[in-house]
Amino acid sequence: MAIAAADILGAILSFGGIVVMFAIFNGNIVIKIIDFLLLIGILLITGRLAMFSLRPRYVAGTNKISQIVAGIYCICLVVSSIYYMVVIFQS
């Protein structure tokens, strides 16, 4: 669950930074490129965390449901970052 907690906090901070920069600078092309690069970073990190969370473990003491919940949350972040990459350049 520590992975999920760190992922939630990181997603809130990174998506917040993207939205604030986009709103303050009115969608300037340089800001769009910076936001795009930040979204690629989110995509890579959460994709790796999703693969890490959903791989089978044989260690005693790990809860399977927490692995599944953390993996699903990471997959949702991957999908949302891809969606916002498309939306940034459509506006």
PDB file of N, CA and C in Angstrom:
ATOM      1  N   MET A   1       0.812  -1.194   0.000  1.00  0.00           N
ATOM      2  CA  MET A   1       0.000   0.000   0.000  1.00  0.00           C
ATOM      3  C   MET A   1       0.855   1.257   0.000  1.00  0.00           C
ATOM      4  N   ALA A   2       2.107   1.146   0.349  1.00  0.00           N
ATOM      5  CA  ALA A   2       2.977   2.320   0.327  1.00  0.00           C
ATOM      6  C   ALA A   2       3.194   2.799  -1.105  1.00  0.00           C
ATOM      7  N   ILE A   3       3.217   1.868  -2.043  1.00  0.00           N
ATOM      8  CA  ILE A   3       3.358   2.245  -3.450  1.00  0.00           C
ATOM      9  C   ILE A   3       2.141   3.052  -3.885  1.00  0.00           C
ATOM     10  N   ALA A   4       0.969   2.614  -3.511  1.00  0.00           N
ATOM     11  CA  ALA A   4      -0.250   3.313  -3.897  1.00  0.00           C
ATOM     12  C   ALA A   4      -0.316   4.698  -3.251  1.00  0.00           C
ATOM     13  N   ALA A   5       0.090   4.793  -1.994  1.00  0.00           N
ATOM     14  CA  ALA A   5       0.063   6.090  -1.311  1.00  0.00           C
ATOM     15  C   ALA A   5       1.038   7.069  -1.959  1.00  0.00           C
ATOM     16  N   ALA A   6       2.219   6.604  -2.298  1.00  0.00           N
ATOM     17  CA  ALA A   6       3.189   7.471  -2.969  1.00  0.00           C
ATOM     18  C   ALA A   6       2.716   7.840  -4.370  1.00  0.00           C
ATOM     19  N   ASP A   7       2.070   6.918  -5.040  1.00  0.00           N
ATOM     20  CA  ASP A   7       1.560   7.176  -6.383  1.00  0.00           C
ATOM     21  C   ASP A   7       0.423   8.193  -6.348  1.00  0.00           C
ATOM     22  N   ILE A   8      -0.449   8.098  -5.355  1.00  0.00           N
ATOM     23  CA  ILE A   8      -1.550   9.053  -5.220  1.00  0.00           C
ATOM     24  C   ILE A   8      -1.007  10.451  -4.951  1.00  0.00           C
ATOM     25  N   LEU A   9      -0.085  10.568  -4.029  1.00  0.00           N
ATOM     26  CA  LEU A   9       0.490  11.872  -3.713  1.00  0.00           C
ATOM     27  C   LEU A   9       1.248  12.439  -4.910  1.00  0.00           C
ATOM     28  N   GLY A  10       2.017  11.625  -5.580  1.00  0.00           N
ATOM     29  CA  GLY A  10       2.746  12.078  -6.762  1.00  0.00           C
ATOM     30  C   GLY A  10       1.824  12.514  -7.887  1.00  0.00           C
ATOM     31  N   ALA A  11       0.734  11.792  -8.083  1.00  0.00           N
ATOM     32  CA  ALA A  11      -0.208  12.155  -9.142  1.00  0.00           C
ATOM     33  C   ALA A  11      -0.912  13.469  -8.833  1.00  0.00           C
ATOM     34  N   ILE A  12      -1.289  13.674  -7.592  1.00  0.00           N
ATOM     35  CA  ILE A  12      -1.934  14.931  -7.204  1.00  0.00           C
ATOM     36  C   ILE A  12      -0.987  16.103  -7.436  1.00  0.00           C
ATOM     37  N   LEU A  13       0.265  15.953  -7.014  1.00  0.00           N
ATOM     38  CA  LEU A  13       1.230  17.041  -7.177  1.00  0.00           C
ATOM     39  C   LEU A  13       1.579  17.285  -8.643  1.00  0.00           C
ATOM     40  N   SER A  14       1.771  16.241  -9.415  1.00  0.00           N
ATOM     41  CA  SER A  14       2.171  16.439 -10.807  1.00  0.00           C
ATOM     42  C   SER A  14       1.018  16.939 -11.671  1.00  0.00           C
ATOM     43  N   PHE A  15      -0.180  16.378 -11.521  1.00  0.00           N
ATOM     44  CA  PHE A  15      -1.305  16.883 -12.296  1.00  0.00           C
ATOM     45  C   PHE A  15      -1.666  18.297 -11.869  1.00  0.00           C
ATOM     46  N   GLY A  16      -1.497  18.606 -10.583  1.00  0.00           N
ATOM     47  CA  GLY A  16      -1.730  19.979 -10.112  1.00  0.00           C
ATOM     48  C   GLY A  16      -0.761  20.952 -10.753  1.00  0.00           C
ATOM     49  N   GLY A  17       0.507  20.567 -10.858  1.00  0.00           N
ATOM     50  CA  GLY A  17       1.498  21.417 -11.502  1.00  0.00           C
ATOM     51  C   GLY A  17       1.200  21.642 -12.974  1.00  0.00           C
ATOM     52  N   ILE A  18       0.729  20.620 -13.636  1.00  0.00           N
ATOM     53  CA  ILE A  18       0.393  20.732 -15.053  1.00  0.00           C
ATOM     54  C   ILE A  18      -0.775  21.686 -15.248  1.00  0.00           C
ATOM     55  N   VAL A  19      -1.800  21.554 -14.434  1.00  0.00           N
ATOM     56  CA  VAL A  19      -2.994  22.399 -14.564  1.00  0.00           C
ATOM     57  C   VAL A  19      -2.676  23.852 -14.235  1.00  0.00           C
ATOM     58  N   VAL A  20      -1.892  24.089 -13.188  1.00  0.00           N
ATOM     59  CA  VAL A  20      -1.562  25.464 -12.802  1.00  0.00           C
ATOM     60  C   VAL A  20      -0.736  26.143 -13.897  1.00  0.00           C
ATOM     61  N   MET A  21       0.266  25.461 -14.419  1.00  0.00           N
ATOM     62  CA  MET A  21       1.077  26.057 -15.485  1.00  0.00           C
ATOM     63  C   MET A  21       0.243  26.322 -16.730  1.00  0.00           C
ATOM     64  N   PHE A  22      -0.632  25.404 -17.066  1.00  0.00           N
ATOM     65  CA  PHE A  22      -1.467  25.568 -18.255  1.00  0.00           C
ATOM     66  C   PHE A  22      -2.434  26.730 -18.079  1.00  0.00           C
ATOM     67  N   ALA A  23      -2.962  26.906 -16.872  1.00  0.00           N
ATOM     68  CA  ALA A  23      -3.925  27.982 -16.620  1.00  0.00           C
ATOM     69  C   ALA A  23      -3.250  29.351 -16.538  1.00  0.00           C
ATOM     70  N   ILE A  24      -2.096  29.435 -15.917  1.00  0.00           N
ATOM     71  CA  ILE A  24      -1.429  30.733 -15.753  1.00  0.00           C
ATOM     72  C   ILE A  24      -0.929  31.273 -17.088  1.00  0.00           C
ATOM     73  N   PHE A  25      -0.344  30.430 -17.908  1.00  0.00           N
ATOM     74  CA  PHE A  25       0.255  30.895 -19.154  1.00  0.00           C
ATOM     75  C   PHE A  25      -0.670  30.761 -20.358  1.00  0.00           C
ATOM     76  N   ASN A  26      -1.937  30.500 -20.163  1.00  0.00           N
ATOM     77  CA  ASN A  26      -2.969  30.467 -21.204  1.00  0.00           C
ATOM     78  C   ASN A  26      -2.650  29.540 -22.376  1.00  0.00           C
ATOM     79  N   GLY A  27      -2.023  28.431 -22.103  1.00  0.00           N
ATOM     80  CA  GLY A  27      -1.779  27.432 -23.139  1.00  0.00           C
ATOM     81  C   GLY A  27      -0.733  27.834 -24.156  1.00  0.00           C
ATOM     82  N   ASN A  28       0.287  28.550 -23.731  1.00  0.00           N
ATOM     83  CA  ASN A  28       1.406  28.903 -24.600  1.00  0.00           C
ATOM     84  C   ASN A  28       2.049  27.615 -25.120  1.00  0.00           C
ATOM     85  N   ILE A  29       2.615  27.661 -26.335  1.00  0.00           N
ATOM     86  CA  ILE A  29       3.163  26.442 -26.947  1.00  0.00           C
ATOM     87  C   ILE A  29       4.325  25.869 -26.132  1.00  0.00           C
ATOM     88  N   VAL A  30       5.128  26.735 -25.519  1.00  0.00           N
ATOM     89  CA  VAL A  30       6.239  26.245 -24.693  1.00  0.00           C
ATOM     90  C   VAL A  30       5.695  25.509 -23.466  1.00  0.00           C
ATOM     91  N   ILE A  31       4.642  26.051 -22.874  1.00  0.00           N
ATOM     92  CA  ILE A  31       4.022  25.404 -21.708  1.00  0.00           C
ATOM     93  C   ILE A  31       3.367  24.093 -22.122  1.00  0.00           C
ATOM     94  N   LYS A  32       2.795  24.053 -23.311  1.00  0.00           N
ATOM     95  CA  LYS A  32       2.216  22.796 -23.787  1.00  0.00           C
ATOM     96  C   LYS A  32       3.287  21.721 -23.929  1.00  0.00           C
ATOM     97  N   ILE A  33       4.450  22.101 -24.409  1.00  0.00           N
ATOM     98  CA  ILE A  33       5.540  21.129 -24.564  1.00  0.00           C
ATOM     99  C   ILE A  33       6.040  20.665 -23.202  1.00  0.00           C
ATOM    100  N   ILE A  34       6.177  21.594 -22.257  1.00  0.00           N
ATOM    101  CA  ILE A  34       6.601  21.218 -20.898  1.00  0.00           C
ATOM    102  C   ILE A  34       5.572  20.294 -20.254  1.00  0.00           C
ATOM    103  N   ASP A  35       4.292  20.624 -20.400  1.00  0.00           N
ATOM    104  CA  ASP A  35       3.236  19.763 -19.854  1.00  0.00           C
ATOM    105  C   ASP A  35       3.254  18.390 -20.513  1.00  0.00           C
ATOM    106  N   PHE A  36       3.507  18.352 -21.808  1.00  0.00           N
ATOM    107  CA  PHE A  36       3.593  17.082 -22.520  1.00  0.00           C
ATOM    108  C   PHE A  36       4.732  16.222 -21.971  1.00  0.00           C
ATOM    109  N   LEU A  37       5.881  16.853 -21.728  1.00  0.00           N
ATOM    110  CA  LEU A  37       7.012  16.108 -21.166  1.00  0.00           C
ATOM    111  C   LEU A  37       6.720  15.622 -19.749  1.00  0.00           C
ATOM    112  N   LEU A  38       6.044  16.445 -18.958  1.00  0.00           N
ATOM    113  CA  LEU A  38       5.651  16.001 -17.614  1.00  0.00           C
ATOM    114  C   LEU A  38       4.675  14.827 -17.679  1.00  0.00           C
ATOM    115  N   LEU A  39       3.757  14.872 -18.640  1.00  0.00           N
ATOM    116  CA  LEU A  39       2.812  13.760 -18.798  1.00  0.00           C
ATOM    117  C   LEU A  39       3.510  12.490 -19.268  1.00  0.00           C
ATOM    118  N   ILE A  40       4.533  12.620 -20.089  1.00  0.00           N
ATOM    119  CA  ILE A  40       5.306  11.438 -20.479  1.00  0.00           C
ATOM    120  C   ILE A  40       6.006  10.849 -19.251  1.00  0.00           C
ATOM    121  N   GLY A  41       6.516  11.713 -18.371  1.00  0.00           N
ATOM    122  CA  GLY A  41       7.117  11.238 -17.131  1.00  0.00           C
ATOM    123  C   GLY A  41       6.122  10.487 -16.264  1.00  0.00           C
ATOM    124  N   ILE A  42       4.919  11.036 -16.153  1.00  0.00           N
ATOM    125  CA  ILE A  42       3.866  10.352 -15.392  1.00  0.00           C
ATOM    126  C   ILE A  42       3.545   9.012 -16.034  1.00  0.00           C
ATOM    127  N   LEU A  43       3.465   8.999 -17.342  1.00  0.00           N
ATOM    128  CA  LEU A  43       3.156   7.763 -18.070  1.00  0.00           C
ATOM    129  C   LEU A  43       4.204   6.691 -17.812  1.00  0.00           C
ATOM    130  N   LEU A  44       5.459   7.050 -17.898  1.00  0.00           N
ATOM    131  CA  LEU A  44       6.527   6.063 -17.696  1.00  0.00           C
ATOM    132  C   LEU A  44       6.578   5.555 -16.253  1.00  0.00           C
ATOM    133  N   ILE A  45       6.481   6.456 -15.304  1.00  0.00           N
ATOM    134  CA  ILE A  45       6.574   6.058 -13.896  1.00  0.00           C
ATOM    135  C   ILE A  45       5.386   5.210 -13.481  1.00  0.00           C
ATOM    136  N   THR A  46       4.171   5.637 -13.830  1.00  0.00           N
ATOM    137  CA  THR A  46       3.005   4.855 -13.408  1.00  0.00           C
ATOM    138  C   THR A  46       2.881   3.551 -14.187  1.00  0.00           C
ATOM    139  N   GLY A  47       3.362   3.540 -15.426  1.00  0.00           N
ATOM    140  CA  GLY A  47       3.378   2.272 -16.163  1.00  0.00           C
ATOM    141  C   GLY A  47       4.297   1.260 -15.514  1.00  0.00           C
ATOM    142  N   ARG A  48       5.450   1.735 -15.077  1.00  0.00           N
ATOM    143  CA  ARG A  48       6.398   0.846 -14.379  1.00  0.00           C
ATOM    144  C   ARG A  48       5.823   0.380 -13.044  1.00  0.00           C
ATOM    145  N   LEU A  49       5.170   1.295 -12.322  1.00  0.00           N
ATOM    146  CA  LEU A  49       4.561   0.908 -11.046  1.00  0.00           C
ATOM    147  C   LEU A  49       3.417  -0.082 -11.250  1.00  0.00           C
ATOM    148  N   ALA A  50       2.660   0.074 -12.337  1.00  0.00           N
ATOM    149  CA  ALA A  50       1.581  -0.880 -12.610  1.00  0.00           C
ATOM    150  C   ALA A  50       2.138  -2.268 -12.874  1.00  0.00           C
ATOM    151  N   MET A  51       3.210  -2.337 -13.656  1.00  0.00           N
ATOM    152  CA  MET A  51       3.826  -3.645 -13.901  1.00  0.00           C
ATOM    153  C   MET A  51       4.413  -4.229 -12.620  1.00  0.00           C
ATOM    154  N   PHE A  52       4.998  -3.373 -11.785  1.00  0.00           N
ATOM    155  CA  PHE A  52       5.565  -3.826 -10.517  1.00  0.00           C
ATOM    156  C   PHE A  52       4.473  -4.315  -9.562  1.00  0.00           C
ATOM    157  N   SER A  53       3.327  -3.623  -9.556  1.00  0.00           N
ATOM    158  CA  SER A  53       2.246  -3.995  -8.641  1.00  0.00           C
ATOM    159  C   SER A  53       1.520  -5.261  -9.066  1.00  0.00           C
ATOM    160  N   LEU A  54       1.394  -5.479 -10.354  1.00  0.00           N
ATOM    161  CA  LEU A  54       0.580  -6.595 -10.837  1.00  0.00           C
ATOM    162  C   LEU A  54       1.360  -7.873 -11.098  1.00  0.00           C
ATOM    163  N   ARG A  55       2.680  -7.858 -10.927  1.00  0.00           N
ATOM    164  CA  ARG A  55       3.425  -9.092 -11.137  1.00  0.00           C
ATOM    165  C   ARG A  55       3.199 -10.037  -9.952  1.00  0.00           C
ATOM    166  N   PRO A  56       3.233 -11.325 -10.198  1.00  0.00           N
ATOM    167  CA  PRO A  56       2.980 -12.274  -9.107  1.00  0.00           C
ATOM    168  C   PRO A  56       4.108 -12.262  -8.079  1.00  0.00           C
ATOM    169  N   ARG A  57       3.708 -12.395  -6.839  1.00  0.00           N
ATOM    170  CA  ARG A  57       4.677 -12.440  -5.751  1.00  0.00           C
ATOM    171  C   ARG A  57       4.428 -13.704  -4.941  1.00  0.00           C
ATOM    172  N   TYR A  58       5.504 -14.248  -4.482  1.00  0.00           N
ATOM    173  CA  TYR A  58       5.408 -15.464  -3.686  1.00  0.00           C
ATOM    174  C   TYR A  58       5.895 -15.229  -2.270  1.00  0.00           C
ATOM    175  N   VAL A  59       5.976 -13.971  -1.876  1.00  0.00           N
ATOM    176  CA  VAL A  59       6.440 -13.618  -0.539  1.00  0.00           C
ATOM    177  C   VAL A  59       5.251 -13.695   0.424  1.00  0.00           C
ATOM    178  N   ALA A  60       5.468 -14.297   1.555  1.00  0.00           N
ATOM    179  CA  ALA A  60       4.405 -14.388   2.549  1.00  0.00           C
ATOM    180  C   ALA A  60       4.178 -13.017   3.163  1.00  0.00           C
ATOM    181  N   GLY A  61       2.934 -12.696   3.414  1.00  0.00           N
ATOM    182  CA  GLY A  61       2.600 -11.443   4.065  1.00  0.00           C
ATOM    183  C   GLY A  61       2.141 -10.341   3.125  1.00  0.00           C
ATOM    184  N   THR A  62       2.084 -10.592   1.821  1.00  0.00           N
ATOM    185  CA  THR A  62       1.575  -9.579   0.909  1.00  0.00           C
ATOM    186  C   THR A  62       0.119  -9.870   0.601  1.00  0.00           C
ATOM    187  N   ASN A  63      -0.676  -8.826   0.566  1.00  0.00           N
ATOM    188  CA  ASN A  63      -2.096  -8.971   0.277  1.00  0.00           C
ATOM    189  C   ASN A  63      -2.321  -8.830  -1.226  1.00  0.00           C
ATOM    190  N   LYS A  64      -2.993  -9.777  -1.807  1.00  0.00           N
ATOM    191  CA  LYS A  64      -3.247  -9.764  -3.246  1.00  0.00           C
ATOM    192  C   LYS A  64      -4.181  -8.621  -3.625  1.00  0.00           C
ATOM    193  N   ILE A  65      -5.145  -8.310  -2.784  1.00  0.00           N
ATOM    194  CA  ILE A  65      -6.104  -7.253  -3.114  1.00  0.00           C
ATOM    195  C   ILE A  65      -5.430  -5.890  -3.153  1.00  0.00           C
ATOM    196  N   SER A  66      -4.461  -5.653  -2.281  1.00  0.00           N
ATOM    197  CA  SER A  66      -3.768  -4.359  -2.312  1.00  0.00           C
ATOM    198  C   SER A  66      -2.919  -4.238  -3.564  1.00  0.00           C
ATOM    199  N   GLN A  67      -2.345  -5.342  -4.030  1.00  0.00           N
ATOM    200  CA  GLN A  67      -1.594  -5.316  -5.286  1.00  0.00           C
ATOM    201  C   GLN A  67      -2.513  -4.992  -6.457  1.00  0.00           C
ATOM    202  N   ILE A  68      -3.691  -5.579  -6.457  1.00  0.00           N
ATOM    203  CA  ILE A  68      -4.643  -5.358  -7.544  1.00  0.00           C
ATOM    204  C   ILE A  68      -5.142  -3.923  -7.543  1.00  0.00           C
ATOM    205  N   VAL A  69      -5.478  -3.388  -6.381  1.00  0.00           N
ATOM    206  CA  VAL A  69      -5.974  -2.012  -6.285  1.00  0.00           C
ATOM    207  C   VAL A  69      -4.899  -1.020  -6.718  1.00  0.00           C
ATOM    208  N   ALA A  70      -3.679  -1.214  -6.273  1.00  0.00           N
ATOM    209  CA  ALA A  70      -2.582  -0.327  -6.666  1.00  0.00           C
ATOM    210  C   ALA A  70      -2.321  -0.428  -8.169  1.00  0.00           C
ATOM    211  N   GLY A  71      -2.389  -1.619  -8.732  1.00  0.00           N
ATOM    212  CA  GLY A  71      -2.189  -1.795 -10.167  1.00  0.00           C
ATOM    213  C   GLY A  71      -3.271  -1.142 -10.996  1.00  0.00           C
ATOM    214  N   ILE A  72      -4.527  -1.269 -10.558  1.00  0.00           N
ATOM    215  CA  ILE A  72      -5.640  -0.650 -11.275  1.00  0.00           C
ATOM    216  C   ILE A  72      -5.533   0.869 -11.208  1.00  0.00           C
ATOM    217  N   TYR A  73      -5.149   1.409 -10.060  1.00  0.00           N
ATOM    218  CA  TYR A  73      -4.976   2.850  -9.929  1.00  0.00           C
ATOM    219  C   TYR A  73      -3.864   3.338 -10.857  1.00  0.00           C
ATOM    220  N   CYS A  74      -2.780   2.610 -10.939  1.00  0.00           N
ATOM    221  CA  CYS A  74      -1.678   2.992 -11.830  1.00  0.00           C
ATOM    222  C   CYS A  74      -2.116   2.942 -13.290  1.00  0.00           C
ATOM    223  N   ILE A  75      -2.894   1.951 -13.644  1.00  0.00           N
ATOM    224  CA  ILE A  75      -3.400   1.860 -15.016  1.00  0.00           C
ATOM    225  C   ILE A  75      -4.329   3.026 -15.315  1.00  0.00           C
ATOM    226  N   CYS A  76      -5.149   3.429 -14.352  1.00  0.00           N
ATOM    227  CA  CYS A  76      -6.019   4.598 -14.544  1.00  0.00           C
ATOM    228  C   CYS A  76      -5.199   5.869 -14.742  1.00  0.00           C
ATOM    229  N   LEU A  77      -4.086   6.007 -14.026  1.00  0.00           N
ATOM    230  CA  LEU A  77      -3.212   7.160 -14.222  1.00  0.00           C
ATOM    231  C   LEU A  77      -2.558   7.148 -15.596  1.00  0.00           C
ATOM    232  N   VAL A  78      -2.191   5.978 -16.079  1.00  0.00           N
ATOM    233  CA  VAL A  78      -1.617   5.867 -17.423  1.00  0.00           C
ATOM    234  C   VAL A  78      -2.641   6.313 -18.461  1.00  0.00           C
ATOM    235  N   VAL A  79      -3.864   5.838 -18.330  1.00  0.00           N
ATOM    236  CA  VAL A  79      -4.923   6.204 -19.280  1.00  0.00           C
ATOM    237  C   VAL A  79      -5.217   7.695 -19.210  1.00  0.00           C
ATOM    238  N   SER A  80      -5.266   8.260 -18.012  1.00  0.00           N
ATOM    239  CA  SER A  80      -5.553   9.691 -17.896  1.00  0.00           C
ATOM    240  C   SER A  80      -4.416  10.543 -18.437  1.00  0.00           C
ATOM    241  N   SER A  81      -3.175  10.116 -18.272  1.00  0.00           N
ATOM    242  CA  SER A  81      -2.074  10.897 -18.833  1.00  0.00           C
ATOM    243  C   SER A  81      -2.088  10.851 -20.359  1.00  0.00           C
ATOM    244  N   ILE A  82      -2.438   9.722 -20.950  1.00  0.00           N
ATOM    245  CA  ILE A  82      -2.562   9.638 -22.409  1.00  0.00           C
ATOM    246  C   ILE A  82      -3.701  10.538 -22.894  1.00  0.00           C
ATOM    247  N   TYR A  83      -4.799  10.532 -22.169  1.00  0.00           N
ATOM    248  CA  TYR A  83      -5.936  11.382 -22.521  1.00  0.00           C
ATOM    249  C   TYR A  83      -5.550  12.856 -22.482  1.00  0.00           C
ATOM    250  N   TYR A  84      -4.851  13.277 -21.442  1.00  0.00           N
ATOM    251  CA  TYR A  84      -4.478  14.683 -21.329  1.00  0.00           C
ATOM    252  C   TYR A  84      -3.390  15.073 -22.321  1.00  0.00           C
ATOM    253  N   MET A  85      -2.573  14.135 -22.775  1.00  0.00           N
ATOM    254  CA  MET A  85      -1.621  14.439 -23.841  1.00  0.00           C
ATOM    255  C   MET A  85      -2.360  14.820 -25.114  1.00  0.00           C
ATOM    256  N   VAL A  86      -3.442  14.124 -25.400  1.00  0.00           N
ATOM    257  CA  VAL A  86      -4.248  14.428 -26.590  1.00  0.00           C
ATOM    258  C   VAL A  86      -4.981  15.743 -26.402  1.00  0.00           C
ATOM    259  N   VAL A  87      -5.553  15.975 -25.223  1.00  0.00           N
ATOM    260  CA  VAL A  87      -6.350  17.172 -24.973  1.00  0.00           C
ATOM    261  C   VAL A  87      -5.503  18.446 -25.001  1.00  0.00           C
ATOM    262  N   ILE A  88      -4.273  18.378 -24.530  1.00  0.00           N
ATOM    263  CA  ILE A  88      -3.423  19.575 -24.500  1.00  0.00           C
ATOM    264  C   ILE A  88      -3.242  20.154 -25.885  1.00  0.00           C
ATOM    265  N   PHE A  89      -3.029  19.316 -26.880  1.00  0.00           N
ATOM    266  CA  PHE A  89      -2.763  19.839 -28.216  1.00  0.00           C
ATOM    267  C   PHE A  89      -4.043  20.028 -29.049  1.00  0.00           C
ATOM    268  N   GLN A  90      -5.186  19.644 -28.529  1.00  0.00           N
ATOM    269  CA  GLN A  90      -6.438  19.920 -29.224  1.00  0.00           C
ATOM    270  C   GLN A  90      -7.008  21.279 -28.840  1.00  0.00           C
ATOM    271  N   SER A  91      -6.642  21.800 -27.677  1.00  0.00           N
ATOM    272  CA  SER A  91      -7.217  23.081 -27.232  1.00  0.00           C
ATOM    273  C   SER A  91      -6.528  24.262 -27.851  1.00  0.00           C
TER     274      SER A  91
END
